[in-house]
């Protein structure tokens, strides 16, 4: 008779409890995957929900098993690392890459064109639209230089230039029975960020300039706000429970204790009303955010 341990975990993963940091690490891999096109939005939402419901490493591992870690060749069976890794180098310096750019022209005649995703913006990008439209999306782009020029000529057509937050924008185009959007001018750029100069000519047409985060970043920000709301809610609940405990302790201490209990009861009531008002504010903010996201999704689908 041999002493053998039962094969309780055939995949070799321990039944250890996962932490919030572990779940957030998996969620970050999912956000990168949806940004790179490895997952569609439906798959992303399903896996993200499973991530935040997971209690152990064994439940977390299958969620990213078919996804590579950012910038790393995937191992045969990727698992959540139990050692905290240092953050990789990033920032604007890594996105100003030099070179000639991966695309220099965009033309739309009775149609449309689009430059988006991971591409390299040259020092000068020329675009032309006649009874058509074009989209120059720089949110995920690299840049050939610290200052780049987007030259737009729109004749009875339209152009849309989308830049990420942190980029300085200058608009120098001329419109005749048309116009250039100047709303994003005057916003200070981040240190080391490139400058985007939008120039050209619009006749019976228009050139819009919009500052937006990527869909993956918007989802990440939404998750951060959700976690912050949960933390605030837990803190408020803890304060209410502490107030109730003090009120119960003071209720059996005579007249003075009775007055203290009344004060505590009033304090609990005020705190509960404030919590209710805060929840209503959060509900209204969530509805506004949901409407904004639906509007942004419709715009993205229309561009697609």
C-alpha atoms as a PDB file:
ATOM      1  CA  UNK A   1       0.000   0.000   0.000  1.00  0.00           C
ATOM      2  CA  UNK A   2       1.550   3.279  -1.085  1.00  0.00           C
ATOM      3  CA  UNK A   3       1.045   6.686   0.463  1.00  0.00           C
ATOM      4  CA  UNK A   4      -0.308   8.846  -2.333  1.00  0.00           C
ATOM      5  CA  UNK A   5      -2.027  12.159  -2.088  1.00  0.00           C
ATOM      6  CA  UNK A   6      -5.402  12.369  -3.853  1.00  0.00           C
ATOM      7  CA  UNK A   7      -5.290  14.186  -7.168  1.00  0.00           C
ATOM      8  CA  UNK A   8      -7.586  16.982  -6.070  1.00  0.00           C
ATOM      9  CA  UNK A   9      -6.137  19.581  -8.424  1.00  0.00           C
ATOM     10  CA  UNK A  10      -5.268  18.000 -11.778  1.00  0.00           C
ATOM     11  CA  UNK A  11      -4.261  21.325 -13.272  1.00  0.00           C
ATOM     12  CA  UNK A  12      -1.699  21.881 -10.546  1.00  0.00           C
ATOM     13  CA  UNK A  13      -3.278  25.086  -9.207  1.00  0.00           C
ATOM     14  CA  UNK A  14      -3.630  25.530  -5.456  1.00  0.00           C
ATOM     15  CA  UNK A  15      -6.958  26.330  -3.868  1.00  0.00           C
ATOM     16  CA  UNK A  16      -5.547  29.571  -2.447  1.00  0.00           C
ATOM     17  CA  UNK A  17      -7.779  32.578  -2.002  1.00  0.00           C
ATOM     18  CA  UNK A  18      -7.222  35.331  -4.562  1.00  0.00           C
ATOM     19  CA  UNK A  19      -6.847  38.949  -3.433  1.00  0.00           C
ATOM     20  CA  UNK A  20      -8.358  42.108  -4.903  1.00  0.00           C
ATOM     21  CA  UNK A  21      -4.950  42.879  -6.437  1.00  0.00           C
ATOM     22  CA  UNK A  22      -4.945  39.461  -8.171  1.00  0.00           C
ATOM     23  CA  UNK A  23      -8.419  40.080  -9.610  1.00  0.00           C
ATOM     24  CA  UNK A  24      -7.381  43.562 -10.770  1.00  0.00           C
ATOM     25  CA  UNK A  25      -4.299  42.071 -12.464  1.00  0.00           C
ATOM     26  CA  UNK A  26      -6.510  39.694 -14.457  1.00  0.00           C
ATOM     27  CA  UNK A  27      -8.914  42.565 -15.278  1.00  0.00           C
ATOM     28  CA  UNK A  28      -5.980  44.576 -16.667  1.00  0.00           C
ATOM     29  CA  UNK A  29      -5.052  41.696 -19.005  1.00  0.00           C
ATOM     30  CA  UNK A  30      -8.674  41.616 -20.216  1.00  0.00           C
ATOM     31  CA  UNK A  31      -8.667  45.390 -20.881  1.00  0.00           C
ATOM     32  CA  UNK A  32      -5.481  45.076 -22.936  1.00  0.00           C
ATOM     33  CA  UNK A  33      -7.020  42.168 -24.851  1.00  0.00           C
ATOM     34  CA  UNK A  34     -10.168  44.091 -25.789  1.00  0.00           C
ATOM     35  CA  UNK A  35      -8.055  47.090 -26.824  1.00  0.00           C
ATOM     36  CA  UNK A  36      -5.973  44.837 -29.104  1.00  0.00           C
ATOM     37  CA  UNK A  37      -9.035  43.183 -30.627  1.00  0.00           C
ATOM     38  CA  UNK A  38      -8.434  39.754 -29.072  1.00  0.00           C
ATOM     39  CA  UNK A  39     -11.830  39.906 -27.301  1.00  0.00           C
ATOM     40  CA  UNK A  40     -15.095  41.468 -28.378  1.00  0.00           C
ATOM     41  CA  UNK A  41     -17.129  43.496 -25.890  1.00  0.00           C
ATOM     42  CA  UNK A  42     -19.500  40.627 -25.043  1.00  0.00           C
ATOM     43  CA  UNK A  43     -16.610  38.263 -24.227  1.00  0.00           C
ATOM     44  CA  UNK A  44     -14.877  41.009 -22.262  1.00  0.00           C
ATOM     45  CA  UNK A  45     -17.928  41.713 -20.100  1.00  0.00           C
ATOM     46  CA  UNK A  46     -18.494  37.995 -19.413  1.00  0.00           C
ATOM     47  CA  UNK A  47     -14.883  37.418 -18.397  1.00  0.00           C
ATOM     48  CA  UNK A  48     -14.719  40.613 -16.323  1.00  0.00           C
ATOM     49  CA  UNK A  49     -17.804  39.535 -14.368  1.00  0.00           C
ATOM     50  CA  UNK A  50     -16.253  36.102 -13.776  1.00  0.00           C
ATOM     51  CA  UNK A  51     -13.027  37.794 -12.620  1.00  0.00           C
ATOM     52  CA  UNK A  52     -14.667  39.814  -9.871  1.00  0.00           C
ATOM     53  CA  UNK A  53     -16.684  36.766  -8.757  1.00  0.00           C
ATOM     54  CA  UNK A  54     -13.610  34.495  -8.572  1.00  0.00           C
ATOM     55  CA  UNK A  55     -12.517  33.469  -5.074  1.00  0.00           C
ATOM     56  CA  UNK A  56      -9.421  31.332  -5.775  1.00  0.00           C
ATOM     57  CA  UNK A  57      -6.480  31.188  -8.164  1.00  0.00           C
ATOM     58  CA  UNK A  58      -7.995  28.060  -9.695  1.00  0.00           C
ATOM     59  CA  UNK A  59     -11.073  30.088 -10.718  1.00  0.00           C
ATOM     60  CA  UNK A  60      -8.984  33.009 -12.019  1.00  0.00           C
ATOM     61  CA  UNK A  61      -6.543  31.054 -14.175  1.00  0.00           C
ATOM     62  CA  UNK A  62      -8.932  29.916 -16.968  1.00  0.00           C
ATOM     63  CA  UNK A  63     -10.108  33.489 -17.576  1.00  0.00           C
ATOM     64  CA  UNK A  64      -6.813  34.532 -19.215  1.00  0.00           C
ATOM     65  CA  UNK A  65      -5.573  31.104 -20.287  1.00  0.00           C
ATOM     66  CA  UNK A  66      -5.896  31.942 -24.011  1.00  0.00           C
ATOM     67  CA  UNK A  67      -4.593  35.514 -23.664  1.00  0.00           C
ATOM     68  CA  UNK A  68      -0.941  36.645 -23.638  1.00  0.00           C
ATOM     69  CA  UNK A  69       0.377  38.941 -20.955  1.00  0.00           C
ATOM     70  CA  UNK A  70       1.218  42.418 -22.350  1.00  0.00           C
ATOM     71  CA  UNK A  71       4.498  42.276 -24.261  1.00  0.00           C
ATOM     72  CA  UNK A  72       5.260  38.704 -23.166  1.00  0.00           C
ATOM     73  CA  UNK A  73       5.089  35.414 -25.079  1.00  0.00           C
ATOM     74  CA  UNK A  74       2.412  33.397 -23.293  1.00  0.00           C
ATOM     75  CA  UNK A  75       3.438  30.248 -21.415  1.00  0.00           C
ATOM     76  CA  UNK A  76       1.527  27.014 -22.093  1.00  0.00           C
ATOM     77  CA  UNK A  77      -0.732  27.533 -19.051  1.00  0.00           C
ATOM     78  CA  UNK A  78      -0.648  31.153 -17.827  1.00  0.00           C
ATOM     79  CA  UNK A  79      -1.588  31.662 -14.199  1.00  0.00           C
ATOM     80  CA  UNK A  80      -1.836  34.621 -11.879  1.00  0.00           C
ATOM     81  CA  UNK A  81       1.601  35.516 -10.586  1.00  0.00           C
ATOM     82  CA  UNK A  82       1.900  35.340  -6.798  1.00  0.00           C
ATOM     83  CA  UNK A  83       4.853  37.764  -6.846  1.00  0.00           C
ATOM     84  CA  UNK A  84       4.233  41.449  -7.401  1.00  0.00           C
ATOM     85  CA  UNK A  85       6.129  42.608 -10.500  1.00  0.00           C
ATOM     86  CA  UNK A  86       7.469  46.138 -11.015  1.00  0.00           C
ATOM     87  CA  UNK A  87       5.509  48.319 -13.393  1.00  0.00           C
ATOM     88  CA  UNK A  88       6.962  48.488 -16.873  1.00  0.00           C
ATOM     89  CA  UNK A  89       8.330  51.658 -18.406  1.00  0.00           C
ATOM     90  CA  UNK A  90       5.736  53.655 -20.299  1.00  0.00           C
ATOM     91  CA  UNK A  91       4.659  57.224 -20.908  1.00  0.00           C
ATOM     92  CA  UNK A  92       4.912  59.513 -23.884  1.00  0.00           C
ATOM     93  CA  UNK A  93       8.652  58.969 -24.424  1.00  0.00           C
ATOM     94  CA  UNK A  94       7.941  55.414 -25.546  1.00  0.00           C
ATOM     95  CA  UNK A  95       5.374  56.603 -28.102  1.00  0.00           C
ATOM     96  CA  UNK A  96       7.590  59.115 -29.938  1.00  0.00           C
ATOM     97  CA  UNK A  97       9.418  56.577 -32.082  1.00  0.00           C
ATOM     98  CA  UNK A  98      10.815  58.549 -35.025  1.00  0.00           C
ATOM     99  CA  UNK A  99      10.853  57.195 -38.561  1.00  0.00           C
ATOM    100  CA  UNK A 100       8.589  58.008 -41.499  1.00  0.00           C
ATOM    101  CA  UNK A 101       5.263  56.841 -40.142  1.00  0.00           C
ATOM    102  CA  UNK A 102       3.143  53.908 -41.269  1.00  0.00           C
ATOM    103  CA  UNK A 103       0.681  55.992 -43.330  1.00  0.00           C
ATOM    104  CA  UNK A 104       0.978  59.444 -44.877  1.00  0.00           C
ATOM    105  CA  UNK A 105      -2.236  59.893 -46.861  1.00  0.00           C
ATOM    106  CA  UNK A 106      -5.940  59.444 -46.500  1.00  0.00           C
ATOM    107  CA  UNK A 107      -8.357  60.080 -49.395  1.00  0.00           C
ATOM    108  CA  UNK A 108     -12.148  59.888 -49.468  1.00  0.00           C
ATOM    109  CA  UNK A 109     -14.077  60.639 -52.678  1.00  0.00           C
ATOM    110  CA  UNK A 110     -17.750  59.759 -52.360  1.00  0.00           C
ATOM    111  CA  UNK A 111     -16.668  57.439 -49.569  1.00  0.00           C
ATOM    112  CA  UNK A 112     -14.560  57.365 -46.454  1.00  0.00           C
ATOM    113  CA  UNK A 113     -11.226  56.437 -44.932  1.00  0.00           C
ATOM    114  CA  UNK A 114     -10.022  55.710 -41.408  1.00  0.00           C
ATOM    115  CA  UNK A 115      -6.706  55.567 -39.597  1.00  0.00           C
ATOM    116  CA  UNK A 116      -7.044  54.122 -36.107  1.00  0.00           C
ATOM    117  CA  UNK A 117      -5.602  51.598 -33.698  1.00  0.00           C
ATOM    118  CA  UNK A 118      -1.869  50.996 -33.382  1.00  0.00           C
ATOM    119  CA  UNK A 119      -0.191  52.925 -36.197  1.00  0.00           C
ATOM    120  CA  UNK A 120       2.607  55.497 -36.458  1.00  0.00           C
ATOM    121  CA  UNK A 121       1.585  59.073 -37.162  1.00  0.00           C
ATOM    122  CA  UNK A 122       4.165  60.675 -39.498  1.00  0.00           C
ATOM    123  CA  UNK A 123       5.467  64.218 -39.118  1.00  0.00           C
ATOM    124  CA  UNK A 124       2.819  65.291 -41.637  1.00  0.00           C
ATOM    125  CA  UNK A 125      -0.355  63.423 -42.573  1.00  0.00           C
ATOM    126  CA  UNK A 126      -2.295  64.746 -45.590  1.00  0.00           C
ATOM    127  CA  UNK A 127      -5.975  63.975 -45.979  1.00  0.00           C
ATOM    128  CA  UNK A 128      -8.574  64.869 -48.602  1.00  0.00           C
ATOM    129  CA  UNK A 129     -12.336  64.369 -48.602  1.00  0.00           C
ATOM    130  CA  UNK A 130     -14.754  65.250 -51.414  1.00  0.00           C
ATOM    131  CA  UNK A 131     -18.357  64.349 -50.672  1.00  0.00           C
ATOM    132  CA  UNK A 132     -16.959  61.931 -48.156  1.00  0.00           C
ATOM    133  CA  UNK A 133     -15.375  61.746 -44.743  1.00  0.00           C
ATOM    134  CA  UNK A 134     -12.357  60.546 -42.849  1.00  0.00           C
ATOM    135  CA  UNK A 135     -11.287  59.699 -39.302  1.00  0.00           C
ATOM    136  CA  UNK A 136      -7.722  60.207 -38.024  1.00  0.00           C
ATOM    137  CA  UNK A 137      -7.641  58.541 -34.601  1.00  0.00           C
ATOM    138  CA  UNK A 138      -4.423  59.111 -32.628  1.00  0.00           C
ATOM    139  CA  UNK A 139      -5.490  57.614 -29.292  1.00  0.00           C
ATOM    140  CA  UNK A 140      -3.389  54.457 -29.687  1.00  0.00           C
ATOM    141  CA  UNK A 141      -0.925  55.784 -32.262  1.00  0.00           C
ATOM    142  CA  UNK A 142       2.820  56.248 -31.962  1.00  0.00           C
ATOM    143  CA  UNK A 143       4.332  59.508 -33.225  1.00  0.00           C
ATOM    144  CA  UNK A 144       7.225  60.057 -35.595  1.00  0.00           C
ATOM    145  CA  UNK A 145       8.094  63.377 -33.947  1.00  0.00           C
ATOM    146  CA  UNK A 146       7.292  65.546 -30.941  1.00  0.00           C
ATOM    147  CA  UNK A 147       5.224  67.832 -33.205  1.00  0.00           C
ATOM    148  CA  UNK A 148       3.070  66.395 -35.974  1.00  0.00           C
ATOM    149  CA  UNK A 149       0.790  68.045 -38.540  1.00  0.00           C
ATOM    150  CA  UNK A 150      -2.602  66.767 -39.672  1.00  0.00           C
ATOM    151  CA  UNK A 151      -3.436  68.555 -42.921  1.00  0.00           C
ATOM    152  CA  UNK A 152      -7.141  68.274 -43.785  1.00  0.00           C
ATOM    153  CA  UNK A 153      -8.796  69.394 -47.020  1.00  0.00           C
ATOM    154  CA  UNK A 154     -12.564  68.907 -46.864  1.00  0.00           C
ATOM    155  CA  UNK A 155     -14.689  69.848 -49.882  1.00  0.00           C
ATOM    156  CA  UNK A 156     -18.364  69.242 -49.143  1.00  0.00           C
ATOM    157  CA  UNK A 157     -17.177  66.601 -46.720  1.00  0.00           C
ATOM    158  CA  UNK A 158     -15.939  66.182 -43.200  1.00  0.00           C
ATOM    159  CA  UNK A 159     -12.934  65.065 -41.183  1.00  0.00           C
ATOM    160  CA  UNK A 160     -12.644  63.965 -37.563  1.00  0.00           C
ATOM    161  CA  UNK A 161      -9.345  64.153 -35.678  1.00  0.00           C
ATOM    162  CA  UNK A 162      -9.372  62.276 -32.366  1.00  0.00           C
ATOM    163  CA  UNK A 163      -6.526  62.843 -29.891  1.00  0.00           C
ATOM    164  CA  UNK A 164      -5.854  61.266 -26.490  1.00  0.00           C
ATOM    165  CA  UNK A 165      -5.841  63.253 -23.235  1.00  0.00           C
ATOM    166  CA  UNK A 166      -2.486  64.888 -22.485  1.00  0.00           C
ATOM    167  CA  UNK A 167      -1.751  65.953 -26.078  1.00  0.00           C
ATOM    168  CA  UNK A 168      -1.566  69.653 -26.906  1.00  0.00           C
ATOM    169  CA  UNK A 169      -3.643  70.678 -29.929  1.00  0.00           C
ATOM    170  CA  UNK A 170      -3.222  73.709 -32.210  1.00  0.00           C
ATOM    171  CA  UNK A 171      -5.824  74.402 -34.924  1.00  0.00           C
ATOM    172  CA  UNK A 172      -4.740  76.606 -37.863  1.00  0.00           C
ATOM    173  CA  UNK A 173      -7.149  75.627 -40.623  1.00  0.00           C
ATOM    174  CA  UNK A 174      -9.244  77.966 -42.766  1.00  0.00           C
ATOM    175  CA  UNK A 175     -12.939  77.488 -43.413  1.00  0.00           C
ATOM    176  CA  UNK A 176     -15.024  78.986 -46.225  1.00  0.00           C
ATOM    177  CA  UNK A 177     -18.708  78.227 -45.694  1.00  0.00           C
ATOM    178  CA  UNK A 178     -17.272  75.591 -43.413  1.00  0.00           C
ATOM    179  CA  UNK A 179     -15.116  75.473 -40.345  1.00  0.00           C
ATOM    180  CA  UNK A 180     -12.505  73.961 -38.063  1.00  0.00           C
ATOM    181  CA  UNK A 181     -13.233  72.943 -34.485  1.00  0.00           C
ATOM    182  CA  UNK A 182     -11.166  74.993 -31.994  1.00  0.00           C
ATOM    183  CA  UNK A 183     -12.659  73.663 -28.749  1.00  0.00           C
ATOM    184  CA  UNK A 184      -9.643  71.521 -27.816  1.00  0.00           C
ATOM    185  CA  UNK A 185      -7.150  74.376 -28.118  1.00  0.00           C
ATOM    186  CA  UNK A 186      -5.679  75.890 -24.980  1.00  0.00           C
ATOM    187  CA  UNK A 187      -5.450  72.599 -23.045  1.00  0.00           C
ATOM    188  CA  UNK A 188      -1.985  72.215 -21.536  1.00  0.00           C
ATOM    189  CA  UNK A 189      -0.211  69.075 -22.696  1.00  0.00           C
ATOM    190  CA  UNK A 190       1.512  66.570 -20.432  1.00  0.00           C
ATOM    191  CA  UNK A 191       5.312  66.817 -20.029  1.00  0.00           C
ATOM    192  CA  UNK A 192       6.932  65.026 -22.945  1.00  0.00           C
ATOM    193  CA  UNK A 193       3.643  64.639 -24.841  1.00  0.00           C
ATOM    194  CA  UNK A 194       3.548  65.404 -28.573  1.00  0.00           C
ATOM    195  CA  UNK A 195       1.861  68.445 -30.095  1.00  0.00           C
ATOM    196  CA  UNK A 196      -0.727  67.942 -32.825  1.00  0.00           C
ATOM    197  CA  UNK A 197      -1.216  70.794 -35.317  1.00  0.00           C
ATOM    198  CA  UNK A 198      -4.448  70.590 -37.331  1.00  0.00           C
ATOM    199  CA  UNK A 199      -4.335  72.668 -40.487  1.00  0.00           C
ATOM    200  CA  UNK A 200      -5.860  72.744 -43.956  1.00  0.00           C
ATOM    201  CA  UNK A 201      -8.931  74.075 -45.760  1.00  0.00           C
ATOM    202  CA  UNK A 202     -12.657  73.381 -45.511  1.00  0.00           C
ATOM    203  CA  UNK A 203     -15.181  74.482 -48.160  1.00  0.00           C
ATOM    204  CA  UNK A 204     -18.788  73.576 -47.434  1.00  0.00           C
ATOM    205  CA  UNK A 205     -17.332  71.092 -45.025  1.00  0.00           C
ATOM    206  CA  UNK A 206     -15.920  70.783 -41.551  1.00  0.00           C
ATOM    207  CA  UNK A 207     -13.019  69.423 -39.545  1.00  0.00           C
ATOM    208  CA  UNK A 208     -13.786  68.329 -35.998  1.00  0.00           C
ATOM    209  CA  UNK A 209     -11.226  67.834 -33.243  1.00  0.00           C
ATOM    210  CA  UNK A 210     -12.174  65.621 -30.299  1.00  0.00           C
ATOM    211  CA  UNK A 211     -10.268  64.568 -27.176  1.00  0.00           C
ATOM    212  CA  UNK A 212     -11.246  61.058 -26.002  1.00  0.00           C
ATOM    213  CA  UNK A 213      -9.843  58.125 -24.087  1.00  0.00           C
ATOM    214  CA  UNK A 214      -9.842  54.654 -25.615  1.00  0.00           C
ATOM    215  CA  UNK A 215     -12.726  52.301 -24.937  1.00  0.00           C
ATOM    216  CA  UNK A 216     -10.464  50.089 -22.797  1.00  0.00           C
ATOM    217  CA  UNK A 217      -9.380  53.094 -20.706  1.00  0.00           C
ATOM    218  CA  UNK A 218     -12.988  54.194 -20.318  1.00  0.00           C
ATOM    219  CA  UNK A 219     -13.856  50.736 -18.992  1.00  0.00           C
ATOM    220  CA  UNK A 220     -10.895  50.857 -16.605  1.00  0.00           C
ATOM    221  CA  UNK A 221     -11.997  54.247 -15.273  1.00  0.00           C
ATOM    222  CA  UNK A 222     -15.520  52.914 -14.841  1.00  0.00           C
ATOM    223  CA  UNK A 223     -14.199  50.000 -12.781  1.00  0.00           C
ATOM    224  CA  UNK A 224     -12.134  52.389 -10.635  1.00  0.00           C
ATOM    225  CA  UNK A 225     -15.187  54.536  -9.936  1.00  0.00           C
ATOM    226  CA  UNK A 226     -17.202  51.437  -9.085  1.00  0.00           C
ATOM    227  CA  UNK A 227     -14.585  50.278  -6.576  1.00  0.00           C
ATOM    228  CA  UNK A 228     -14.364  53.759  -5.038  1.00  0.00           C
ATOM    229  CA  UNK A 229     -18.144  53.829  -4.584  1.00  0.00           C
ATOM    230  CA  UNK A 230     -18.069  50.429  -2.906  1.00  0.00           C
ATOM    231  CA  UNK A 231     -15.341  51.614  -0.536  1.00  0.00           C
ATOM    232  CA  UNK A 232     -17.299  54.768   0.357  1.00  0.00           C
ATOM    233  CA  UNK A 233     -20.450  52.732   0.904  1.00  0.00           C
ATOM    234  CA  UNK A 234     -18.604  50.309   3.198  1.00  0.00           C
ATOM    235  CA  UNK A 235     -17.109  53.211   5.178  1.00  0.00           C
ATOM    236  CA  UNK A 236     -20.523  54.837   5.621  1.00  0.00           C
ATOM    237  CA  UNK A 237     -22.050  51.545   6.714  1.00  0.00           C
ATOM    238  CA  UNK A 238     -19.270  51.074   9.250  1.00  0.00           C
ATOM    239  CA  UNK A 239     -19.900  54.565  10.661  1.00  0.00           C
ATOM    240  CA  UNK A 240     -23.616  53.820  11.012  1.00  0.00           C
ATOM    241  CA  UNK A 241     -22.942  50.532  12.782  1.00  0.00           C
ATOM    242  CA  UNK A 242     -20.542  52.248  15.172  1.00  0.00           C
ATOM    243  CA  UNK A 243     -23.128  54.950  15.940  1.00  0.00           C
ATOM    244  CA  UNK A 244     -25.790  52.311  16.639  1.00  0.00           C
ATOM    245  CA  UNK A 245     -23.419  50.434  18.933  1.00  0.00           C
ATOM    246  CA  UNK A 246     -22.651  53.590  20.941  1.00  0.00           C
ATOM    247  CA  UNK A 247     -26.372  54.374  21.190  1.00  0.00           C
ATOM    248  CA  UNK A 248     -27.146  50.910  22.555  1.00  0.00           C
ATOM    249  CA  UNK A 249     -24.313  51.131  25.083  1.00  0.00           C
ATOM    250  CA  UNK A 250     -25.547  54.502  26.354  1.00  0.00           C
ATOM    251  CA  UNK A 251     -29.221  53.521  26.591  1.00  0.00           C
ATOM    252  CA  UNK A 252     -28.777  51.860  30.008  1.00  0.00           C
ATOM    253  CA  UNK A 253     -26.904  54.664  31.826  1.00  0.00           C
ATOM    254  CA  UNK A 254     -29.710  56.750  33.394  1.00  0.00           C
ATOM    255  CA  UNK A 255     -30.933  60.190  32.322  1.00  0.00           C
ATOM    256  CA  UNK A 256     -27.539  61.308  31.047  1.00  0.00           C
ATOM    257  CA  UNK A 257     -27.253  58.101  29.069  1.00  0.00           C
ATOM    258  CA  UNK A 258     -30.781  58.657  27.762  1.00  0.00           C
ATOM    259  CA  UNK A 259     -29.887  62.120  26.463  1.00  0.00           C
ATOM    260  CA  UNK A 260     -26.710  60.759  24.922  1.00  0.00           C
ATOM    261  CA  UNK A 261     -28.749  58.017  23.268  1.00  0.00           C
ATOM    262  CA  UNK A 262     -31.138  60.587  21.816  1.00  0.00           C
ATOM    263  CA  UNK A 263     -28.204  62.557  20.449  1.00  0.00           C
ATOM    264  CA  UNK A 264     -26.778  59.381  18.981  1.00  0.00           C
ATOM    265  CA  UNK A 265     -30.167  58.517  17.447  1.00  0.00           C
ATOM    266  CA  UNK A 266     -30.352  61.952  15.820  1.00  0.00           C
ATOM    267  CA  UNK A 267     -26.786  61.506  14.576  1.00  0.00           C
ATOM    268  CA  UNK A 268     -27.676  58.099  13.126  1.00  0.00           C
ATOM    269  CA  UNK A 269     -30.714  59.588  11.414  1.00  0.00           C
ATOM    270  CA  UNK A 270     -28.646  62.413   9.895  1.00  0.00           C
ATOM    271  CA  UNK A 271     -25.994  59.945   8.737  1.00  0.00           C
ATOM    272  CA  UNK A 272     -28.634  57.674   7.215  1.00  0.00           C
ATOM    273  CA  UNK A 273     -30.234  60.611   5.375  1.00  0.00           C
ATOM    274  CA  UNK A 274     -26.828  61.717   4.104  1.00  0.00           C
ATOM    275  CA  UNK A 275     -26.121  58.166   2.951  1.00  0.00           C
ATOM    276  CA  UNK A 276     -29.455  58.111   1.136  1.00  0.00           C
ATOM    277  CA  UNK A 277     -28.687  61.427  -0.584  1.00  0.00           C
ATOM    278  CA  UNK A 278     -25.222  60.172  -1.549  1.00  0.00           C
ATOM    279  CA  UNK A 279     -26.691  56.987  -3.022  1.00  0.00           C
ATOM    280  CA  UNK A 280     -29.182  59.038  -5.039  1.00  0.00           C
ATOM    281  CA  UNK A 281     -26.344  61.239  -6.339  1.00  0.00           C
ATOM    282  CA  UNK A 282     -24.348  58.164  -7.300  1.00  0.00           C
ATOM    283  CA  UNK A 283     -27.397  56.705  -9.026  1.00  0.00           C
ATOM    284  CA  UNK A 284     -27.867  59.874 -11.069  1.00  0.00           C
ATOM    285  CA  UNK A 285     -24.148  59.966 -11.948  1.00  0.00           C
ATOM    286  CA  UNK A 286     -24.266  56.312 -13.002  1.00  0.00           C
ATOM    287  CA  UNK A 287     -27.233  56.987 -15.284  1.00  0.00           C
ATOM    288  CA  UNK A 288     -25.476  59.977 -16.853  1.00  0.00           C
ATOM    289  CA  UNK A 289     -22.321  57.907 -17.331  1.00  0.00           C
ATOM    290  CA  UNK A 290     -24.342  55.097 -18.916  1.00  0.00           C
ATOM    291  CA  UNK A 291     -25.950  57.540 -21.361  1.00  0.00           C
ATOM    292  CA  UNK A 292     -22.522  58.957 -22.253  1.00  0.00           C
ATOM    293  CA  UNK A 293     -21.141  55.475 -22.844  1.00  0.00           C
ATOM    294  CA  UNK A 294     -24.087  54.505 -25.061  1.00  0.00           C
ATOM    295  CA  UNK A 295     -23.606  57.721 -27.040  1.00  0.00           C
ATOM    296  CA  UNK A 296     -19.860  57.036 -27.427  1.00  0.00           C
ATOM    297  CA  UNK A 297     -20.531  53.426 -28.448  1.00  0.00           C
ATOM    298  CA  UNK A 298     -22.999  54.580 -31.110  1.00  0.00           C
ATOM    299  CA  UNK A 299     -20.413  57.005 -32.461  1.00  0.00           C
ATOM    300  CA  UNK A 300     -17.796  54.273 -32.582  1.00  0.00           C
ATOM    301  CA  UNK A 301     -20.196  51.899 -34.366  1.00  0.00           C
ATOM    302  CA  UNK A 302     -21.115  54.615 -36.870  1.00  0.00           C
ATOM    303  CA  UNK A 303     -17.418  55.138 -37.613  1.00  0.00           C
ATOM    304  CA  UNK A 304     -16.911  51.382 -37.990  1.00  0.00           C
END
